[in-house]
PDB file of N, CA and C in Angstrom:
ATOM      1  N   MET A   1     139.863 121.894 -80.441  1.00  0.00           N
ATOM      2  CA  MET A   1     140.644 121.446 -80.057  1.00  0.00           C
ATOM      3  C   MET A   1     140.313 119.916 -80.842  1.00  0.00           C
ATOM      4  N   LYS A   2     139.410 119.115 -80.115  1.00  0.00           N
ATOM      5  CA  LYS A   2     139.397 117.885 -79.884  1.00  0.00           C
ATOM      6  C   LYS A   2     139.205 116.987 -81.423  1.00  0.00           C
ATOM      7  N   SER A   3     138.180 118.023 -81.344  1.00  0.00           N
ATOM      8  CA  SER A   3     137.693 117.884 -83.429  1.00  0.00           C
ATOM      9  C   SER A   3     138.461 118.152 -83.953  1.00  0.00           C
ATOM     10  N   TYR A   4     139.472 118.468 -84.402  1.00  0.00           N
ATOM     11  CA  TYR A   4     140.342 118.888 -85.367  1.00  0.00           C
ATOM     12  C   TYR A   4     141.129 117.633 -84.553  1.00  0.00           C
ATOM     13  N   TYR A   5     141.860 116.553 -83.582  1.00  0.00           N
ATOM     14  CA  TYR A   5     142.413 115.527 -83.547  1.00  0.00           C
ATOM     15  C   TYR A   5     141.232 114.725 -83.980  1.00  0.00           C
ATOM     16  N   MET A   6     139.720 114.681 -83.817  1.00  0.00           N
ATOM     17  CA  MET A   6     139.232 113.520 -83.948  1.00  0.00           C
ATOM     18  C   MET A   6     138.942 113.095 -86.357  1.00  0.00           C
ATOM     19  N   HIS A   7     139.170 114.432 -86.786  1.00  0.00           N
ATOM     20  CA  HIS A   7     138.914 114.733 -87.676  1.00  0.00           C
ATOM     21  C   HIS A   7     140.103 114.060 -88.411  1.00  0.00           C
ATOM     22  N   TYR A   8     141.265 114.201 -88.560  1.00  0.00           N
ATOM     23  CA  TYR A   8     142.526 113.773 -88.427  1.00  0.00           C
ATOM     24  C   TYR A   8     143.153 112.211 -87.556  1.00  0.00           C
ATOM     25  N   ILE A   9     143.039 111.581 -87.013  1.00  0.00           N
ATOM     26  CA  ILE A   9     142.261 110.292 -86.805  1.00  0.00           C
ATOM     27  C   ILE A   9     141.446 109.566 -88.076  1.00  0.00           C
ATOM     28  N   ALA A  10     139.924 110.026 -88.041  1.00  0.00           N
ATOM     29  CA  ALA A  10     139.280 109.795 -88.481  1.00  0.00           C
ATOM     30  C   ALA A  10     139.788 109.671 -90.104  1.00  0.00           C
ATOM     31  N   SER A  11     140.457 110.392 -90.934  1.00  0.00           N
ATOM     32  CA  SER A  11     140.417 111.341 -92.026  1.00  0.00           C
ATOM     33  C   SER A  11     142.188 111.630 -93.074  1.00  0.00           C
ATOM     34  N   GLY A  12     142.386 112.099 -92.510  1.00  0.00           N
ATOM     35  CA  GLY A  12     143.547 113.725 -92.575  1.00  0.00           C
ATOM     36  C   GLY A  12     145.011 112.359 -92.503  1.00  0.00           C
ATOM     37  N   LYS A  13     144.784 111.271 -91.309  1.00  0.00           N
ATOM     38  CA  LYS A  13     145.512 110.421 -91.435  1.00  0.00           C
ATOM     39  C   LYS A  13     145.691 109.425 -92.446  1.00  0.00           C
ATOM     40  N   LYS A  14     144.407 108.779 -93.335  1.00  0.00           N
ATOM     41  CA  LYS A  14     144.817 107.785 -93.593  1.00  0.00           C
ATOM     42  C   LYS A  14     145.328 109.029 -95.974  1.00  0.00           C
ATOM     43  N   GLU A  15     144.455 110.320 -95.689  1.00  0.00           N
ATOM     44  CA  GLU A  15     145.226 111.006 -96.773  1.00  0.00           C
ATOM     45  C   GLU A  15     146.300 111.088 -97.023  1.00  0.00           C
ATOM     46  N   GLY A  16     147.326 110.268 -95.483  1.00  0.00           N
ATOM     47  CA  GLY A  16     148.316 111.625 -95.923  1.00  0.00           C
ATOM     48  C   GLY A  16     148.670 112.882 -94.726  1.00  0.00           C
ATOM     49  N   ARG A  17     148.130 113.301 -94.416  1.00  0.00           N
ATOM     50  CA  ARG A  17     148.187 114.924 -94.021  1.00  0.00           C
ATOM     51  C   ARG A  17     148.333 114.321 -93.312  1.00  0.00           C
ATOM     52  N   ALA A  18     150.254 115.751 -93.178  1.00  0.00           N
ATOM     53  CA  ALA A  18     150.954 116.177 -91.503  1.00  0.00           C
ATOM     54  C   ALA A  18     150.191 116.266 -90.378  1.00  0.00           C
ATOM     55  N   GLY A  19     150.637 115.138 -89.356  1.00  0.00           N
ATOM     56  CA  GLY A  19     150.163 115.743 -88.323  1.00  0.00           C
ATOM     57  C   GLY A  19     151.094 116.972 -87.354  1.00  0.00           C
ATOM     58  N   THR A  20     150.616 117.714 -86.509  1.00  0.00           N
ATOM     59  CA  THR A  20     151.990 118.136 -85.782  1.00  0.00           C
ATOM     60  C   THR A  20     151.577 118.566 -84.271  1.00  0.00           C
ATOM     61  N   GLY A  21     152.614 118.162 -82.892  1.00  0.00           N
ATOM     62  CA  GLY A  21     151.422 118.512 -81.751  1.00  0.00           C
ATOM     63  C   GLY A  21     151.715 117.681 -80.660  1.00  0.00           C
ATOM     64  N   CYS A  22     150.957 116.941 -80.349  1.00  0.00           N
ATOM     65  CA  CYS A  22     149.856 115.380 -79.839  1.00  0.00           C
ATOM     66  C   CYS A  22     151.097 114.505 -80.339  1.00  0.00           C
ATOM     67  N   LYS A  23     151.174 113.378 -79.959  1.00  0.00           N
ATOM     68  CA  LYS A  23     151.204 111.984 -80.607  1.00  0.00           C
ATOM     69  C   LYS A  23     150.692 111.109 -79.839  1.00  0.00           C
ATOM     70  N   THR A  24     150.080 111.572 -79.045  1.00  0.00           N
ATOM     71  CA  THR A  24     149.373 110.691 -78.465  1.00  0.00           C
ATOM     72  C   THR A  24     148.048 110.940 -78.318  1.00  0.00           C
ATOM     73  N   LEU A  25     147.051 109.721 -78.457  1.00  0.00           N
ATOM     74  CA  LEU A  25     145.023 109.988 -78.598  1.00  0.00           C
ATOM     75  C   LEU A  25     145.131 110.520 -77.065  1.00  0.00           C
ATOM     76  N   GLN A  26     144.592 111.334 -77.193  1.00  0.00           N
ATOM     77  CA  GLN A  26     144.190 111.989 -75.352  1.00  0.00           C
ATOM     78  C   GLN A  26     143.350 111.517 -75.553  1.00  0.00           C
ATOM     79  N   GLY A  27     142.131 112.324 -74.638  1.00  0.00           N
ATOM     80  CA  GLY A  27     140.912 111.737 -73.360  1.00  0.00           C
ATOM     81  C   GLY A  27     140.105 110.949 -74.313  1.00  0.00           C
ATOM     82  N   ALA A  28     140.888 109.383 -74.564  1.00  0.00           N
ATOM     83  CA  ALA A  28     140.394 108.107 -74.752  1.00  0.00           C
ATOM     84  C   ALA A  28     139.308 107.410 -73.988  1.00  0.00           C
ATOM     85  N   VAL A  29     138.756 107.251 -75.079  1.00  0.00           N
ATOM     86  CA  VAL A  29     137.078 105.911 -74.306  1.00  0.00           C
ATOM     87  C   VAL A  29     137.224 105.760 -72.887  1.00  0.00           C
ATOM     88  N   THR A  30     137.085 105.411 -72.102  1.00  0.00           N
ATOM     89  CA  THR A  30     137.355 104.862 -70.694  1.00  0.00           C
ATOM     90  C   THR A  30     136.269 103.802 -69.938  1.00  0.00           C
ATOM     91  N   VAL A  31     134.291 104.650 -71.083  1.00  0.00           N
ATOM     92  CA  VAL A  31     133.807 103.901 -70.293  1.00  0.00           C
ATOM     93  C   VAL A  31     132.904 102.538 -71.800  1.00  0.00           C
ATOM     94  N   TYR A  32     132.918 101.616 -71.555  1.00  0.00           N
ATOM     95  CA  TYR A  32     132.074 100.458 -71.633  1.00  0.00           C
ATOM     96  C   TYR A  32     131.239 100.158 -71.851  1.00  0.00           C
ATOM     97  N   ASN A  33     130.298  99.751 -71.245  1.00  0.00           N
ATOM     98  CA  ASN A  33     129.027  98.900 -71.698  1.00  0.00           C
ATOM     99  C   ASN A  33     128.579  99.765 -70.284  1.00  0.00           C
ATOM    100  N   GLY A  34     128.783 100.946 -69.825  1.00  0.00           N
ATOM    101  CA  GLY A  34     128.325 101.870 -68.848  1.00  0.00           C
ATOM    102  C   GLY A  34     129.147 101.537 -67.432  1.00  0.00           C
ATOM    103  N   VAL A  35     130.331 100.797 -67.732  1.00  0.00           N
ATOM    104  CA  VAL A  35     131.451 100.443 -67.176  1.00  0.00           C
ATOM    105  C   VAL A  35     132.384 101.696 -66.995  1.00  0.00           C
ATOM    106  N   ASP A  36     133.179 102.066 -65.797  1.00  0.00           N
ATOM    107  CA  ASP A  36     133.837 102.561 -65.986  1.00  0.00           C
ATOM    108  C   ASP A  36     135.287 102.365 -65.632  1.00  0.00           C
ATOM    109  N   TYR A  37     136.318 102.236 -66.869  1.00  0.00           N
ATOM    110  CA  TYR A  37     137.892 101.238 -66.606  1.00  0.00           C
ATOM    111  C   TYR A  37     138.391 102.199 -66.321  1.00  0.00           C
ATOM    112  N   SER A  38     138.260 102.683 -66.465  1.00  0.00           N
ATOM    113  CA  SER A  38     139.704 104.062 -66.261  1.00  0.00           C
ATOM    114  C   SER A  38     140.935 104.563 -64.962  1.00  0.00           C
ATOM    115  N   ALA A  39     140.247 103.687 -64.296  1.00  0.00           N
ATOM    116  CA  ALA A  39     141.132 102.874 -62.841  1.00  0.00           C
ATOM    117  C   ALA A  39     142.307 101.653 -62.796  1.00  0.00           C
ATOM    118  N   VAL A  40     141.676 101.099 -64.158  1.00  0.00           N
ATOM    119  CA  VAL A  40     142.138 100.439 -65.169  1.00  0.00           C
ATOM    120  C   VAL A  40     142.909  99.873 -66.651  1.00  0.00           C
ATOM    121  N   PHE A  41     142.433 101.428 -67.333  1.00  0.00           N
ATOM    122  CA  PHE A  41     142.735 101.306 -68.337  1.00  0.00           C
ATOM    123  C   PHE A  41     143.345 102.067 -69.202  1.00  0.00           C
ATOM    124  N   ASP A  42     144.159 102.072 -70.135  1.00  0.00           N
ATOM    125  CA  ASP A  42     145.496 103.156 -69.522  1.00  0.00           C
ATOM    126  C   ASP A  42     145.404 103.026 -71.281  1.00  0.00           C
ATOM    127  N   TYR A  43     144.312 103.730 -73.084  1.00  0.00           N
ATOM    128  CA  TYR A  43     144.465 103.647 -73.897  1.00  0.00           C
ATOM    129  C   TYR A  43     146.362 103.229 -74.326  1.00  0.00           C
ATOM    130  N   ASN A  44     146.374 104.716 -74.231  1.00  0.00           N
ATOM    131  CA  ASN A  44     148.573 104.597 -74.802  1.00  0.00           C
ATOM    132  C   ASN A  44     149.014 103.555 -74.438  1.00  0.00           C
ATOM    133  N   TYR A  45     149.751 103.060 -72.798  1.00  0.00           N
ATOM    134  CA  TYR A  45     150.111 101.843 -72.844  1.00  0.00           C
ATOM    135  C   TYR A  45     149.464 100.770 -73.792  1.00  0.00           C
ATOM    136  N   TYR A  46     148.175 100.368 -72.727  1.00  0.00           N
ATOM    137  CA  TYR A  46     147.925  99.218 -73.995  1.00  0.00           C
ATOM    138  C   TYR A  46     147.883  99.341 -75.164  1.00  0.00           C
ATOM    139  N   ILE A  47     148.072 100.016 -75.936  1.00  0.00           N
ATOM    140  CA  ILE A  47     148.256 100.430 -77.361  1.00  0.00           C
ATOM    141  C   ILE A  47     149.851  99.314 -77.816  1.00  0.00           C
ATOM    142  N   SER A  48     150.875 100.888 -76.884  1.00  0.00           N
ATOM    143  CA  SER A  48     152.351 100.761 -77.199  1.00  0.00           C
ATOM    144  C   SER A  48     152.513  99.132 -76.308  1.00  0.00           C
ATOM    145  N   ASN A  49     151.967  98.506 -75.875  1.00  0.00           N
ATOM    146  CA  ASN A  49     152.172  97.300 -75.331  1.00  0.00           C
ATOM    147  C   ASN A  49     152.042  96.133 -75.838  1.00  0.00           C
ATOM    148  N   ASN A  50     151.660  96.410 -76.852  1.00  0.00           N
ATOM    149  CA  ASN A  50     150.530  95.259 -77.422  1.00  0.00           C
ATOM    150  C   ASN A  50     150.287  95.460 -78.710  1.00  0.00           C
ATOM    151  N   GLY A  51     151.819  95.593 -79.299  1.00  0.00           N
ATOM    152  CA  GLY A  51     151.775  95.931 -80.770  1.00  0.00           C
ATOM    153  C   GLY A  51     150.547  95.102 -82.032  1.00  0.00           C
ATOM    154  N   ASP A  52     150.446  94.182 -81.717  1.00  0.00           N
ATOM    155  CA  ASP A  52     149.059  93.071 -82.704  1.00  0.00           C
ATOM    156  C   ASP A  52     147.858  94.468 -82.194  1.00  0.00           C
ATOM    157  N   ILE A  53     147.861  94.745 -80.901  1.00  0.00           N
ATOM    158  CA  ILE A  53     145.946  94.843 -80.572  1.00  0.00           C
ATOM    159  C   ILE A  53     145.652  96.656 -81.894  1.00  0.00           C
ATOM    160  N   LYS A  54     147.340  97.436 -81.658  1.00  0.00           N
ATOM    161  CA  LYS A  54     147.592  98.523 -82.044  1.00  0.00           C
ATOM    162  C   LYS A  54     147.435  97.810 -83.924  1.00  0.00           C
ATOM    163  N   ALA A  55     148.129  97.692 -83.993  1.00  0.00           N
ATOM    164  CA  ALA A  55     147.640  96.901 -85.817  1.00  0.00           C
ATOM    165  C   ALA A  55     146.287  96.757 -86.500  1.00  0.00           C
ATOM    166  N   ALA A  56     145.956  96.004 -85.084  1.00  0.00           N
ATOM    167  CA  ALA A  56     144.812  95.948 -85.570  1.00  0.00           C
ATOM    168  C   ALA A  56     143.441  96.390 -85.680  1.00  0.00           C
ATOM    169  N   PHE A  57     143.845  97.625 -84.955  1.00  0.00           N
ATOM    170  CA  PHE A  57     143.223  99.265 -84.346  1.00  0.00           C
ATOM    171  C   PHE A  57     143.142 100.123 -84.386  1.00  0.00           C
ATOM    172  N   TRP A  58     144.379 100.293 -85.067  1.00  0.00           N
ATOM    173  CA  TRP A  58     144.823 101.642 -85.081  1.00  0.00           C
ATOM    174  C   TRP A  58     144.706 102.650 -84.347  1.00  0.00           C
ATOM    175  N   ASP A  59     143.444 103.136 -84.054  1.00  0.00           N
ATOM    176  CA  ASP A  59     144.101 104.219 -83.026  1.00  0.00           C
ATOM    177  C   ASP A  59     142.286 104.242 -83.200  1.00  0.00           C
ATOM    178  N   ASP A  60     141.249 103.200 -82.678  1.00  0.00           N
ATOM    179  CA  ASP A  60     140.386 102.978 -83.203  1.00  0.00           C
ATOM    180  C   ASP A  60     139.865 103.272 -81.171  1.00  0.00           C
ATOM    181  N   ASP A  61     139.940 104.114 -80.443  1.00  0.00           N
ATOM    182  CA  ASP A  61     139.932 103.696 -78.991  1.00  0.00           C
ATOM    183  C   ASP A  61     138.474 103.112 -78.113  1.00  0.00           C
ATOM    184  N   VAL A  62     137.558 102.271 -79.099  1.00  0.00           N
ATOM    185  CA  VAL A  62     136.571 102.629 -78.939  1.00  0.00           C
ATOM    186  C   VAL A  62     136.868 101.273 -79.177  1.00  0.00           C
ATOM    187  N   ALA A  63     137.257 100.436 -80.083  1.00  0.00           N
ATOM    188  CA  ALA A  63     137.577  98.638 -80.173  1.00  0.00           C
ATOM    189  C   ALA A  63     138.659  98.640 -79.410  1.00  0.00           C
ATOM    190  N   VAL A  64     139.874  99.084 -78.984  1.00  0.00           N
ATOM    191  CA  VAL A  64     140.875  99.149 -78.242  1.00  0.00           C
ATOM    192  C   VAL A  64     140.073  98.407 -76.964  1.00  0.00           C
ATOM    193  N   LEU A  65     139.380  99.544 -76.671  1.00  0.00           N
ATOM    194  CA  LEU A  65     138.581  99.312 -75.065  1.00  0.00           C
ATOM    195  C   LEU A  65     138.199  98.119 -74.881  1.00  0.00           C
ATOM    196  N   ALA A  66     136.890  97.671 -76.123  1.00  0.00           N
ATOM    197  CA  ALA A  66     135.895  96.673 -76.318  1.00  0.00           C
ATOM    198  C   ALA A  66     137.171  95.673 -76.453  1.00  0.00           C
ATOM    199  N   HIS A  67     138.214  95.552 -77.183  1.00  0.00           N
ATOM    200  CA  HIS A  67     138.752  94.471 -76.607  1.00  0.00           C
ATOM    201  C   HIS A  67     139.876  93.797 -75.203  1.00  0.00           C
ATOM    202  N   PHE A  68     139.894  95.052 -74.480  1.00  0.00           N
ATOM    203  CA  PHE A  68     140.783  95.086 -73.106  1.00  0.00           C
ATOM    204  C   PHE A  68     139.457  94.247 -73.104  1.00  0.00           C
ATOM    205  N   VAL A  69     138.393  95.169 -72.592  1.00  0.00           N
ATOM    206  CA  VAL A  69     137.304  94.284 -71.955  1.00  0.00           C
ATOM    207  C   VAL A  69     136.658  92.467 -71.574  1.00  0.00           C
ATOM    208  N   ASN A  70     136.670  93.046 -72.981  1.00  0.00           N
ATOM    209  CA  ASN A  70     136.265  91.619 -73.920  1.00  0.00           C
ATOM    210  C   ASN A  70     137.318  90.616 -73.555  1.00  0.00           C
ATOM    211  N   TYR A  71     138.691  90.636 -74.060  1.00  0.00           N
ATOM    212  CA  TYR A  71     139.401  89.284 -74.508  1.00  0.00           C
ATOM    213  C   TYR A  71     140.535  89.863 -73.298  1.00  0.00           C
ATOM    214  N   GLY A  72     141.637  90.845 -73.380  1.00  0.00           N
ATOM    215  CA  GLY A  72     142.506  91.600 -73.136  1.00  0.00           C
ATOM    216  C   GLY A  72     142.756  90.854 -71.558  1.00  0.00           C
ATOM    217  N   MET A  73     141.925  91.092 -70.485  1.00  0.00           N
ATOM    218  CA  MET A  73     142.117  90.839 -69.707  1.00  0.00           C
ATOM    219  C   MET A  73     142.209  89.062 -69.154  1.00  0.00           C
ATOM    220  N   SER A  74     141.603  88.797 -69.843  1.00  0.00           N
ATOM    221  CA  SER A  74     141.429  87.494 -69.395  1.00  0.00           C
ATOM    222  C   SER A  74     142.682  86.528 -70.148  1.00  0.00           C
ATOM    223  N   GLU A  75     143.432  87.207 -71.116  1.00  0.00           N
ATOM    224  CA  GLU A  75     143.997  87.100 -71.681  1.00  0.00           C
ATOM    225  C   GLU A  75     144.962  87.384 -70.598  1.00  0.00           C
ATOM    226  N   GLY A  76     145.062  88.096 -69.604  1.00  0.00           N
ATOM    227  CA  GLY A  76     146.618  89.089 -68.901  1.00  0.00           C
ATOM    228  C   GLY A  76     147.398  89.991 -69.215  1.00  0.00           C
ATOM    229  N   ARG A  77     146.450  90.442 -70.429  1.00  0.00           N
ATOM    230  CA  ARG A  77     147.208  91.284 -71.223  1.00  0.00           C
ATOM    231  C   ARG A  77     147.298  92.214 -69.932  1.00  0.00           C
ATOM    232  N   ARG A  78     148.908  93.658 -69.130  1.00  0.00           N
ATOM    233  CA  ARG A  78     148.292  94.304 -69.133  1.00  0.00           C
ATOM    234  C   ARG A  78     148.101  95.569 -69.655  1.00  0.00           C
ATOM    235  N   LYS A  79     147.402  95.757 -68.294  1.00  0.00           N
ATOM    236  CA  LYS A  79     146.873  97.328 -68.700  1.00  0.00           C
ATOM    237  C   LYS A  79     146.694  98.820 -68.870  1.00  0.00           C
ATOM    238  N   ASN A  80     148.116  98.346 -67.786  1.00  0.00           N
ATOM    239  CA  ASN A  80     148.309 100.431 -67.592  1.00  0.00           C
ATOM    240  C   ASN A  80     149.653  99.347 -67.017  1.00  0.00           C
ATOM    241  N   CYS A  81     150.340 100.844 -65.957  1.00  0.00           N
ATOM    242  CA  CYS A  81     152.181 100.369 -66.073  1.00  0.00           C
ATOM    243  C   CYS A  81     151.628 100.313 -64.369  1.00  0.00           C
TER     244      CYS A  81
END
């Protein structure tokens, strides 16, 4: 199932294909440079509450986590509820 979802994110969505079922990314990356941020970072919450990040990185969970670590924390952006 994960490979289907990742294919849709990488190709299907851009091709205008309709997806069904899950509406949020499941199993988003939480480890960056060997550090696990899962205790303080929730991908879906972060992009839902930071529209500029969602617009800039779309569904690239690695880029979103990198932004959070490199900029978001120091900017005081909320990372989870």
